[in-house]
Each structure stands twice: as structure tokens, then as C-alpha cells.
């Protein structure tokens, strides 16, 4: 006697094969796509892709402009020290040497 809760291996295989056959029949019975619908979908896809590309390009340009502005601001804040004369450099070096000597 067959049990509903414990189907045999053959029962499970036959049910799986039947489900597969039924799914394939449903897939094959679908009507083919109209050429106008396919063209419309392709046009919509192209439009979406171009809009995304434009959005990404605008975002990238804005980010580059922001980094350039930040770099310009940082450059404006940096003060370029004037070239020191030989005597001034020697005086600073001697001061560092004396400070190091005093720490020891």
C-alpha cells in the first residue's frame, strides 16, 4: 500500500519528471514576442543606460571639481617660506646644535 507521507523513490522521480514536462510545455506555448515590443524594450534600455552614464559622468565631474577646489584651498593656505641666507641657516643650525647639547 502506498503512503502519502512516505512516497517511494519512483514516485518522487515521476512527479519531478511530470513537473518538468509541464513547465516546458508552458514555456513553449508562450506566444513569440512582437518585433515592435522588442524594439521598444531595447530603446527604453538604451535610454536608461545613457541616463545612467550621464549621471555618473556628472557625479565624477563634480567630485573632481571638489577635489581641485580643496587642493587649491590647501595650496592657498600653505605659506612658502622665503629662502634663508647662508648666515641665517648657519644661525638656526647652531641654535639646534646648542639645544641638543644642553639636553644631554
PDB file of N, CA and C in Angstrom:
ATOM      1  N   UNK A   1       0.847  -1.177   0.000  1.00  0.00           N
ATOM      2  CA  UNK A   1       0.000   0.000   0.000  1.00  0.00           C
ATOM      3  C   UNK A   1       0.890   1.237   0.000  1.00  0.00           C
ATOM      4  N   UNK A   2       0.551   2.234  -0.850  1.00  0.00           N
ATOM      5  CA  UNK A   2       1.328   3.453  -0.940  1.00  0.00           C
ATOM      6  C   UNK A   2       0.956   4.390   0.200  1.00  0.00           C
ATOM      7  N   UNK A   3       1.956   5.060   0.679  1.00  0.00           N
ATOM      8  CA  UNK A   3       1.726   6.008   1.752  1.00  0.00           C
ATOM      9  C   UNK A   3       1.867   7.415   1.194  1.00  0.00           C
ATOM     10  N   UNK A   4       0.996   8.286   1.606  1.00  0.00           N
ATOM     11  CA  UNK A   4       1.058   9.674   1.141  1.00  0.00           C
ATOM     12  C   UNK A   4       2.275  10.381   1.719  1.00  0.00           C
ATOM     13  N   UNK A   5       2.566  10.102   2.956  1.00  0.00           N
ATOM     14  CA  UNK A   5       3.666  10.792   3.620  1.00  0.00           C
ATOM     15  C   UNK A   5       5.028  10.217   3.257  1.00  0.00           C
ATOM     16  N   UNK A   6       5.099   9.003   2.851  1.00  0.00           N
ATOM     17  CA  UNK A   6       6.370   8.370   2.514  1.00  0.00           C
ATOM     18  C   UNK A   6       6.329   7.830   1.081  1.00  0.00           C
ATOM     19  N   UNK A   7       6.415   8.725   0.082  1.00  0.00           N
ATOM     20  CA  UNK A   7       6.383   8.225  -1.292  1.00  0.00           C
ATOM     21  C   UNK A   7       7.703   7.515  -1.622  1.00  0.00           C
ATOM     22  N   UNK A   8       7.606   6.584  -2.514  1.00  0.00           N
ATOM     23  CA  UNK A   8       8.803   5.847  -2.901  1.00  0.00           C
ATOM     24  C   UNK A   8       9.673   6.717  -3.822  1.00  0.00           C
ATOM     25  N   UNK A   9      10.859   6.229  -4.066  1.00  0.00           N
ATOM     26  CA  UNK A   9      11.778   6.960  -4.941  1.00  0.00           C
ATOM     27  C   UNK A   9      11.187   7.103  -6.336  1.00  0.00           C
ATOM     28  N   UNK A  10      10.585   6.062  -6.844  1.00  0.00           N
ATOM     29  CA  UNK A  10       9.985   6.103  -8.183  1.00  0.00           C
ATOM     30  C   UNK A  10       8.859   7.127  -8.254  1.00  0.00           C
ATOM     31  N   UNK A  11       8.075   7.232  -7.176  1.00  0.00           N
ATOM     32  CA  UNK A  11       7.004   8.233  -7.152  1.00  0.00           C
ATOM     33  C   UNK A  11       7.575   9.654  -7.217  1.00  0.00           C
ATOM     34  N   UNK A  12       8.621   9.893  -6.449  1.00  0.00           N
ATOM     35  CA  UNK A  12       9.236  11.224  -6.449  1.00  0.00           C
ATOM     36  C   UNK A  12       9.846  11.551  -7.805  1.00  0.00           C
ATOM     37  N   UNK A  13      10.488  10.570  -8.439  1.00  0.00           N
ATOM     38  CA  UNK A  13      11.103  10.791  -9.751  1.00  0.00           C
ATOM     39  C   UNK A  13      10.035  11.068 -10.789  1.00  0.00           C
ATOM     40  N   UNK A  14       8.949  10.341 -10.755  1.00  0.00           N
ATOM     41  CA  UNK A  14       7.891  10.546 -11.750  1.00  0.00           C
ATOM     42  C   UNK A  14       7.224  11.910 -11.558  1.00  0.00           C
ATOM     43  N   UNK A  15       7.029  12.336 -10.294  1.00  0.00           N
ATOM     44  CA  UNK A  15       6.447  13.653 -10.055  1.00  0.00           C
ATOM     45  C   UNK A  15       7.380  14.758 -10.544  1.00  0.00           C
ATOM     46  N   UNK A  16       8.664  14.616 -10.323  1.00  0.00           N
ATOM     47  CA  UNK A  16       9.624  15.612 -10.782  1.00  0.00           C
ATOM     48  C   UNK A  16       9.644  15.675 -12.301  1.00  0.00           C
ATOM     49  N   UNK A  17       9.601  14.524 -12.953  1.00  0.00           N
ATOM     50  CA  UNK A  17       9.600  14.495 -14.416  1.00  0.00           C
ATOM     51  C   UNK A  17       8.330  15.127 -14.957  1.00  0.00           C
ATOM     52  N   UNK A  18       7.217  14.863 -14.307  1.00  0.00           N
ATOM     53  CA  UNK A  18       5.945  15.443 -14.738  1.00  0.00           C
ATOM     54  C   UNK A  18       5.953  16.970 -14.568  1.00  0.00           C
ATOM     55  N   UNK A  19       6.491  17.443 -13.475  1.00  0.00           N
ATOM     56  CA  UNK A  19       6.565  18.888 -13.244  1.00  0.00           C
ATOM     57  C   UNK A  19       7.472  19.541 -14.281  1.00  0.00           C
ATOM     58  N   UNK A  20       8.558  18.890 -14.600  1.00  0.00           N
ATOM     59  CA  UNK A  20       9.478  19.436 -15.608  1.00  0.00           C
ATOM     60  C   UNK A  20       8.811  19.478 -16.975  1.00  0.00           C
ATOM     61  N   UNK A  21       8.114  18.403 -17.338  1.00  0.00           N
ATOM     62  CA  UNK A  21       7.424  18.349 -18.628  1.00  0.00           C
ATOM     63  C   UNK A  21       6.364  19.440 -18.706  1.00  0.00           C
ATOM     64  N   UNK A  22       5.631  19.634 -17.628  1.00  0.00           N
ATOM     65  CA  UNK A  22       4.569  20.634 -17.600  1.00  0.00           C
ATOM     66  C   UNK A  22       5.158  22.040 -17.734  1.00  0.00           C
ATOM     67  N   UNK A  23       6.268  22.316 -17.039  1.00  0.00           N
ATOM     68  CA  UNK A  23       6.908  23.626 -17.123  1.00  0.00           C
ATOM     69  C   UNK A  23       7.418  23.889 -18.532  1.00  0.00           C
ATOM     70  N   UNK A  24       7.988  22.872 -19.179  1.00  0.00           N
ATOM     71  CA  UNK A  24       8.471  23.041 -20.549  1.00  0.00           C
ATOM     72  C   UNK A  24       7.322  23.298 -21.520  1.00  0.00           C
ATOM     73  N   UNK A  25       6.216  22.627 -21.312  1.00  0.00           N
ATOM     74  CA  UNK A  25       5.048  22.848 -22.181  1.00  0.00           C
ATOM     75  C   UNK A  25       4.538  24.285 -22.028  1.00  0.00           C
ATOM     76  N   UNK A  26       4.483  24.770 -20.809  1.00  0.00           N
ATOM     77  CA  UNK A  26       4.034  26.142 -20.588  1.00  0.00           C
ATOM     78  C   UNK A  26       4.998  27.143 -21.227  1.00  0.00           C
ATOM     79  N   UNK A  27       6.291  26.860 -21.115  1.00  0.00           N
ATOM     80  CA  UNK A  27       7.293  27.752 -21.700  1.00  0.00           C
ATOM     81  C   UNK A  27       7.186  27.778 -23.217  1.00  0.00           C
ATOM     82  N   UNK A  28       7.016  26.621 -23.800  1.00  0.00           N
ATOM     83  CA  UNK A  28       6.941  26.528 -25.271  1.00  0.00           C
ATOM     84  C   UNK A  28       5.627  27.073 -25.820  1.00  0.00           C
ATOM     85  N   UNK A  29       4.580  27.084 -25.018  1.00  0.00           N
ATOM     86  CA  UNK A  29       3.281  27.542 -25.502  1.00  0.00           C
ATOM     87  C   UNK A  29       3.145  29.057 -25.477  1.00  0.00           C
ATOM     88  N   UNK A  30       4.128  29.773 -24.930  1.00  0.00           N
ATOM     89  CA  UNK A  30       4.042  31.228 -24.907  1.00  0.00           C
ATOM     90  C   UNK A  30       4.106  31.769 -26.327  1.00  0.00           C
ATOM     91  N   UNK A  31       3.367  32.847 -26.601  1.00  0.00           N
ATOM     92  CA  UNK A  31       3.431  33.432 -27.941  1.00  0.00           C
ATOM     93  C   UNK A  31       4.780  34.133 -28.141  1.00  0.00           C
ATOM     94  N   UNK A  32       5.277  34.168 -29.364  1.00  0.00           N
ATOM     95  CA  UNK A  32       6.558  34.847 -29.607  1.00  0.00           C
ATOM     96  C   UNK A  32       6.410  36.360 -29.404  1.00  0.00           C
ATOM     97  N   UNK A  33       7.506  37.004 -29.090  1.00  0.00           N
ATOM     98  CA  UNK A  33       7.474  38.444 -28.856  1.00  0.00           C
ATOM     99  C   UNK A  33       7.333  39.186 -30.176  1.00  0.00           C
ATOM    100  N   UNK A  34       6.567  40.264 -30.131  1.00  0.00           N
ATOM    101  CA  UNK A  34       6.374  41.112 -31.295  1.00  0.00           C
ATOM    102  C   UNK A  34       7.645  41.937 -31.511  1.00  0.00           C
ATOM    103  N   UNK A  35       8.018  42.173 -32.755  1.00  0.00           N
ATOM    104  CA  UNK A  35       9.231  42.931 -33.073  1.00  0.00           C
ATOM    105  C   UNK A  35       9.143  44.364 -32.548  1.00  0.00           C
ATOM    106  N   UNK A  36       7.949  44.938 -32.568  1.00  0.00           N
ATOM    107  CA  UNK A  36       7.777  46.308 -32.069  1.00  0.00           C
ATOM    108  C   UNK A  36       8.027  46.364 -30.565  1.00  0.00           C
ATOM    109  N   UNK A  37       7.567  45.339 -29.854  1.00  0.00           N
ATOM    110  CA  UNK A  37       7.765  45.295 -28.400  1.00  0.00           C
ATOM    111  C   UNK A  37       9.256  45.151 -28.089  1.00  0.00           C
ATOM    112  N   UNK A  38       9.945  44.307 -28.859  1.00  0.00           N
ATOM    113  CA  UNK A  38      11.384  44.112 -28.650  1.00  0.00           C
ATOM    114  C   UNK A  38      12.130  45.417 -28.911  1.00  0.00           C
ATOM    115  N   UNK A  39      11.779  46.111 -29.987  1.00  0.00           N
ATOM    116  CA  UNK A  39      12.428  47.381 -30.316  1.00  0.00           C
ATOM    117  C   UNK A  39      12.158  48.423 -29.234  1.00  0.00           C
ATOM    118  N   UNK A  40      10.945  48.443 -28.709  1.00  0.00           N
ATOM    119  CA  UNK A  40      10.586  49.394 -27.656  1.00  0.00           C
ATOM    120  C   UNK A  40      11.385  49.113 -26.389  1.00  0.00           C
ATOM    121  N   UNK A  41      11.543  47.836 -26.045  1.00  0.00           N
ATOM    122  CA  UNK A  41      12.318  47.474 -24.855  1.00  0.00           C
ATOM    123  C   UNK A  41      13.784  47.862 -25.023  1.00  0.00           C
ATOM    124  N   UNK A  42      14.325  47.626 -26.238  1.00  0.00           N
ATOM    125  CA  UNK A  42      15.722  47.998 -26.490  1.00  0.00           C
ATOM    126  C   UNK A  42      15.916  49.506 -26.394  1.00  0.00           C
ATOM    127  N   UNK A  43      14.957  50.266 -26.921  1.00  0.00           N
ATOM    128  CA  UNK A  43      15.048  51.728 -26.860  1.00  0.00           C
ATOM    129  C   UNK A  43      14.987  52.215 -25.413  1.00  0.00           C
ATOM    130  N   UNK A  44      14.108  51.624 -24.628  1.00  0.00           N
ATOM    131  CA  UNK A  44      13.994  52.003 -23.219  1.00  0.00           C
ATOM    132  C   UNK A  44      15.285  51.658 -22.475  1.00  0.00           C
ATOM    133  N   UNK A  45      15.854  50.517 -22.782  1.00  0.00           N
ATOM    134  CA  UNK A  45      17.101  50.105 -22.144  1.00  0.00           C
ATOM    135  C   UNK A  45      18.236  51.058 -22.513  1.00  0.00           C
ATOM    136  N   UNK A  46      18.310  51.425 -23.791  1.00  0.00           N
ATOM    137  CA  UNK A  46      19.348  52.363 -24.239  1.00  0.00           C
ATOM    138  C   UNK A  46      19.186  53.719 -23.555  1.00  0.00           C
ATOM    139  N   UNK A  47      17.947  54.165 -23.441  1.00  0.00           N
ATOM    140  CA  UNK A  47      17.672  55.446 -22.795  1.00  0.00           C
ATOM    141  C   UNK A  47      18.105  55.408 -21.331  1.00  0.00           C
ATOM    142  N   UNK A  48      17.799  54.308 -20.634  1.00  0.00           N
ATOM    143  CA  UNK A  48      18.201  54.143 -19.244  1.00  0.00           C
ATOM    144  C   UNK A  48      19.719  54.146 -19.106  1.00  0.00           C
ATOM    145  N   UNK A  49      20.396  53.419 -20.003  1.00  0.00           N
ATOM    146  CA  UNK A  49      21.860  53.339 -19.938  1.00  0.00           C
ATOM    147  C   UNK A  49      22.508  54.701 -20.171  1.00  0.00           C
ATOM    148  N   UNK A  50      22.000  55.459 -21.139  1.00  0.00           N
ATOM    149  CA  UNK A  50      22.581  56.783 -21.402  1.00  0.00           C
ATOM    150  C   UNK A  50      22.325  57.729 -20.231  1.00  0.00           C
ATOM    151  N   UNK A  51      21.146  57.646 -19.631  1.00  0.00           N
ATOM    152  CA  UNK A  51      20.847  58.494 -18.472  1.00  0.00           C
ATOM    153  C   UNK A  51      21.778  58.145 -17.309  1.00  0.00           C
ATOM    154  N   UNK A  52      22.010  56.850 -17.096  1.00  0.00           N
ATOM    155  CA  UNK A  52      22.918  56.430 -16.027  1.00  0.00           C
ATOM    156  C   UNK A  52      24.341  56.900 -16.307  1.00  0.00           C
ATOM    157  N   UNK A  53      24.785  56.775 -17.554  1.00  0.00           N
ATOM    158  CA  UNK A  53      26.135  57.204 -17.915  1.00  0.00           C
ATOM    159  C   UNK A  53      26.295  58.704 -17.718  1.00  0.00           C
ATOM    160  N   UNK A  54      25.276  59.472 -18.087  1.00  0.00           N
ATOM    161  CA  UNK A  54      25.331  60.927 -17.908  1.00  0.00           C
ATOM    162  C   UNK A  54      25.365  61.289 -16.424  1.00  0.00           C
ATOM    163  N   UNK A  55      24.576  60.588 -15.633  1.00  0.00           N
ATOM    164  CA  UNK A  55      24.540  60.840 -14.192  1.00  0.00           C
ATOM    165  C   UNK A  55      25.893  60.520 -13.557  1.00  0.00           C
ATOM    166  N   UNK A  56      26.487  59.410 -13.956  1.00  0.00           N
ATOM    167  CA  UNK A  56      27.786  59.017 -13.418  1.00  0.00           C
ATOM    168  C   UNK A  56      28.857  60.022 -13.835  1.00  0.00           C
ATOM    169  N   UNK A  57      28.816  60.472 -15.083  1.00  0.00           N
ATOM    170  CA  UNK A  57      29.801  61.450 -15.561  1.00  0.00           C
ATOM    171  C   UNK A  57      29.662  62.771 -14.802  1.00  0.00           C
ATOM    172  N   UNK A  58      28.434  63.198 -14.559  1.00  0.00           N
ATOM    173  CA  UNK A  58      28.217  64.440 -13.818  1.00  0.00           C
ATOM    174  C   UNK A  58      28.720  64.309 -12.382  1.00  0.00           C
ATOM    175  N   UNK A  59      28.471  63.162 -11.790  1.00  0.00           N
ATOM    176  CA  UNK A  59      28.926  62.921 -10.420  1.00  0.00           C
ATOM    177  C   UNK A  59      30.453  62.926 -10.358  1.00  0.00           C
ATOM    178  N   UNK A  60      31.081  62.301 -11.345  1.00  0.00           N
ATOM    179  CA  UNK A  60      32.543  62.247 -11.388  1.00  0.00           C
ATOM    180  C   UNK A  60      33.126  63.648 -11.584  1.00  0.00           C
ATOM    181  N   UNK A  61      32.523  64.441 -12.473  1.00  0.00           N
ATOM    182  CA  UNK A  61      32.997  65.802 -12.714  1.00  0.00           C
ATOM    183  C   UNK A  61      32.852  66.655 -11.458  1.00  0.00           C
ATOM    184  N   UNK A  62      31.746  66.501 -10.748  1.00  0.00           N
ATOM    185  CA  UNK A  62      31.539  67.261  -9.519  1.00  0.00           C
ATOM    186  C   UNK A  62      32.574  66.879  -8.466  1.00  0.00           C
ATOM    187  N   UNK A  63      32.873  65.602  -8.367  1.00  0.00           N
ATOM    188  CA  UNK A  63      33.857  65.146  -7.396  1.00  0.00           C
ATOM    189  C   UNK A  63      35.244  65.671  -7.749  1.00  0.00           C
ATOM    190  N   UNK A  64      35.593  65.642  -9.046  1.00  0.00           N
ATOM    191  CA  UNK A  64      36.887  66.170  -9.473  1.00  0.00           C
ATOM    192  C   UNK A  64      36.987  67.669  -9.193  1.00  0.00           C
ATOM    193  N   UNK A  65      35.903  68.403  -9.451  1.00  0.00           N
ATOM    194  CA  UNK A  65      35.894  69.845  -9.180  1.00  0.00           C
ATOM    195  C   UNK A  65      36.060  70.101  -7.683  1.00  0.00           C
ATOM    196  N   UNK A  66      35.425  69.270  -6.880  1.00  0.00           N
ATOM    197  CA  UNK A  66      35.528  69.417  -5.431  1.00  0.00           C
ATOM    198  C   UNK A  66      36.958  69.156  -4.958  1.00  0.00           C
ATOM    199  N   UNK A  67      37.592  68.124  -5.504  1.00  0.00           N
ATOM    200  CA  UNK A  67      38.972  67.829  -5.097  1.00  0.00           C
ATOM    201  C   UNK A  67      39.927  68.925  -5.572  1.00  0.00           C
ATOM    202  N   UNK A  68      39.675  69.461  -6.767  1.00  0.00           N
ATOM    203  CA  UNK A  68      40.511  70.558  -7.257  1.00  0.00           C
ATOM    204  C   UNK A  68      40.350  71.802  -6.385  1.00  0.00           C
ATOM    205  N   UNK A  69      39.123  72.075  -5.973  1.00  0.00           N
ATOM    206  CA  UNK A  69      38.884  73.231  -5.113  1.00  0.00           C
ATOM    207  C   UNK A  69      39.569  73.037  -3.766  1.00  0.00           C
ATOM    208  N   UNK A  70      39.498  71.820  -3.242  1.00  0.00           N
ATOM    209  CA  UNK A  70      40.147  71.537  -1.963  1.00  0.00           C
ATOM    210  C   UNK A  70      41.661  71.669  -2.100  1.00  0.00           C
ATOM    211  N   UNK A  71      42.202  71.203  -3.215  1.00  0.00           N
ATOM    212  CA  UNK A  71      43.649  71.309  -3.439  1.00  0.00           C
ATOM    213  C   UNK A  71      44.056  72.775  -3.577  1.00  0.00           C
ATOM    214  N   UNK A  72      43.250  73.545  -4.280  1.00  0.00           N
ATOM    215  CA  UNK A  72      43.556  74.974  -4.436  1.00  0.00           C
ATOM    216  C   UNK A  72      43.493  75.684  -3.093  1.00  0.00           C
ATOM    217  N   UNK A  73      42.521  75.329  -2.281  1.00  0.00           N
ATOM    218  CA  UNK A  73      42.385  75.933  -0.959  1.00  0.00           C
ATOM    219  C   UNK A  73      43.584  75.563  -0.081  1.00  0.00           C
ATOM    220  N   UNK A  74      44.001  74.301  -0.159  1.00  0.00           N
ATOM    221  CA  UNK A  74      45.156  73.864   0.625  1.00  0.00           C
ATOM    222  C   UNK A  74      46.421  74.561   0.150  1.00  0.00           C
ATOM    223  N   UNK A  75      46.530  74.737  -1.164  1.00  0.00           N
ATOM    224  CA  UNK A  75      47.703  75.426  -1.701  1.00  0.00           C
ATOM    225  C   UNK A  75      47.713  76.889  -1.282  1.00  0.00           C
ATOM    226  N   UNK A  76      46.543  77.490  -1.192  1.00  0.00           N
ATOM    227  CA  UNK A  76      46.465  78.885  -0.786  1.00  0.00           C
ATOM    228  C   UNK A  76      46.851  79.054   0.682  1.00  0.00           C
ATOM    229  N   UNK A  77      46.530  78.018   1.486  1.00  0.00           N
ATOM    230  CA  UNK A  77      46.842  78.095   2.907  1.00  0.00           C
ATOM    231  C   UNK A  77      48.329  77.882   3.185  1.00  0.00           C
ATOM    232  N   UNK A  78      48.980  77.121   2.333  1.00  0.00           N
ATOM    233  CA  UNK A  78      50.399  76.841   2.566  1.00  0.00           C
ATOM    234  C   UNK A  78      51.221  78.079   2.271  1.00  0.00           C
ATOM    235  N   UNK A  79      52.059  78.358   3.177  1.00  0.00           N
ATOM    236  CA  UNK A  79      52.932  79.519   3.018  1.00  0.00           C
ATOM    237  C   UNK A  79      54.299  78.993   2.607  1.00  0.00           C
ATOM    238  N   UNK A  80      54.797  79.499   1.516  1.00  0.00           N
ATOM    239  CA  UNK A  80      56.113  79.093   1.050  1.00  0.00           C
ATOM    240  C   UNK A  80      57.146  79.926   1.805  1.00  0.00           C
ATOM    241  N   UNK A  81      58.000  79.251   2.566  1.00  0.00           N
ATOM    242  CA  UNK A  81      58.980  80.025   3.324  1.00  0.00           C
ATOM    243  C   UNK A  81      59.983  80.671   2.371  1.00  0.00           C
ATOM    244  N   UNK A  82      60.396  81.863   2.734  1.00  0.00           N
ATOM    245  CA  UNK A  82      61.367  82.575   1.914  1.00  0.00           C
ATOM    246  C   UNK A  82      62.720  81.884   2.053  1.00  0.00           C
ATOM    247  N   UNK A  83      63.512  81.991   1.030  1.00  0.00           N
ATOM    248  CA  UNK A  83      64.845  81.404   1.076  1.00  0.00           C
ATOM    249  C   UNK A  83      65.669  82.135   2.131  1.00  0.00           C
ATOM    250  N   UNK A  84      66.263  81.357   2.997  1.00  0.00           N
ATOM    251  CA  UNK A  84      67.086  81.948   4.044  1.00  0.00           C
ATOM    252  C   UNK A  84      68.510  82.149   3.519  1.00  0.00           C
ATOM    253  N   UNK A  85      69.117  83.156   4.022  1.00  0.00           N
ATOM    254  CA  UNK A  85      70.501  83.395   3.617  1.00  0.00           C
ATOM    255  C   UNK A  85      71.402  82.374   4.309  1.00  0.00           C
ATOM    256  N   UNK A  86      72.610  82.305   3.850  1.00  0.00           N
ATOM    257  CA  UNK A  86      73.564  81.350   4.406  1.00  0.00           C
ATOM    258  C   UNK A  86      73.801  81.625   5.892  1.00  0.00           C
ATOM    259  N   UNK A  87      73.877  82.871   6.267  1.00  0.00           N
ATOM    260  CA  UNK A  87      74.122  83.230   7.666  1.00  0.00           C
ATOM    261  C   UNK A  87      72.945  82.825   8.550  1.00  0.00           C
ATOM    262  N   UNK A  88      71.704  83.027   8.062  1.00  0.00           N
ATOM    263  CA  UNK A  88      70.522  82.651   8.837  1.00  0.00           C
ATOM    264  C   UNK A  88      70.442  81.141   9.015  1.00  0.00           C
ATOM    265  N   UNK A  89      70.720  80.377   7.943  1.00  0.00           N
ATOM    266  CA  UNK A  89      70.702  78.916   8.067  1.00  0.00           C
ATOM    267  C   UNK A  89      71.760  78.454   9.070  1.00  0.00           C
ATOM    268  N   UNK A  90      72.935  79.070   9.035  1.00  0.00           N
ATOM    269  CA  UNK A  90      74.012  78.706   9.960  1.00  0.00           C
ATOM    270  C   UNK A  90      73.598  79.020  11.395  1.00  0.00           C
ATOM    271  N   UNK A  91      72.925  80.149  11.598  1.00  0.00           N
ATOM    272  CA  UNK A  91      72.482  80.535  12.940  1.00  0.00           C
ATOM    273  C   UNK A  91      71.447  79.536  13.460  1.00  0.00           C
ATOM    274  N   UNK A  92      70.512  79.135  12.628  1.00  0.00           N
ATOM    275  CA  UNK A  92      69.491  78.151  13.044  1.00  0.00           C
ATOM    276  C   UNK A  92      70.137  76.806  13.361  1.00  0.00           C
ATOM    277  N   UNK A  93      71.068  76.382  12.525  1.00  0.00           N
ATOM    278  CA  UNK A  93      71.748  75.108  12.750  1.00  0.00           C
ATOM    279  C   UNK A  93      72.510  75.156  14.068  1.00  0.00           C
ATOM    280  N   UNK A  94      73.185  76.262  14.322  1.00  0.00           N
ATOM    281  CA  UNK A  94      73.936  76.393  15.571  1.00  0.00           C
ATOM    282  C   UNK A  94      73.002  76.387  16.781  1.00  0.00           C
ATOM    283  N   UNK A  95      71.826  76.999  16.631  1.00  0.00           N
ATOM    284  CA  UNK A  95      70.856  77.025  17.728  1.00  0.00           C
ATOM    285  C   UNK A  95      70.348  75.608  18.012  1.00  0.00           C
ATOM    286  N   UNK A  96      70.077  74.826  16.975  1.00  0.00           N
ATOM    287  CA  UNK A  96      69.635  73.438  17.171  1.00  0.00           C
ATOM    288  C   UNK A  96      70.735  72.626  17.850  1.00  0.00           C
ATOM    289  N   UNK A  97      71.950  72.830  17.419  1.00  0.00           N
ATOM    290  CA  UNK A  97      73.073  72.101  17.997  1.00  0.00           C
ATOM    291  C   UNK A  97      73.239  72.449  19.477  1.00  0.00           C
ATOM    292  N   UNK A  98      73.123  73.726  19.806  1.00  0.00           N
ATOM    293  CA  UNK A  98      73.253  74.145  21.188  1.00  0.00           C
ATOM    294  C   UNK A  98      72.134  73.572  22.039  1.00  0.00           C
ATOM    295  N   UNK A  99      70.915  73.543  21.507  1.00  0.00           N
ATOM    296  CA  UNK A  99      69.773  72.992  22.252  1.00  0.00           C
ATOM    297  C   UNK A  99      69.989  71.501  22.498  1.00  0.00           C
ATOM    298  N   UNK A 100      70.490  70.795  21.514  1.00  0.00           N
ATOM    299  CA  UNK A 100      70.751  69.366  21.667  1.00  0.00           C
ATOM    300  C   UNK A 100      71.858  69.142  22.709  1.00  0.00           C
ATOM    301  N   UNK A 101      72.862  69.991  22.679  1.00  0.00           N
ATOM    302  CA  UNK A 101      73.998  69.884  23.616  1.00  0.00           C
ATOM    303  C   UNK A 101      73.506  70.099  25.035  1.00  0.00           C
ATOM    304  N   UNK A 102      72.575  71.059  25.224  1.00  0.00           N
ATOM    305  CA  UNK A 102      72.072  71.367  26.568  1.00  0.00           C
ATOM    306  C   UNK A 102      71.193  70.250  27.105  1.00  0.00           C
ATOM    307  N   UNK A 103      70.503  69.512  26.246  1.00  0.00           N
ATOM    308  CA  UNK A 103      69.634  68.416  26.700  1.00  0.00           C
ATOM    309  C   UNK A 103      70.458  67.263  27.251  1.00  0.00           C
ATOM    310  N   UNK A 104      71.663  67.084  26.750  1.00  0.00           N
ATOM    311  CA  UNK A 104      72.473  65.935  27.162  1.00  0.00           C
ATOM    312  C   UNK A 104      73.070  66.125  28.483  1.00  0.00           C
TER     313      UNK A 104
END
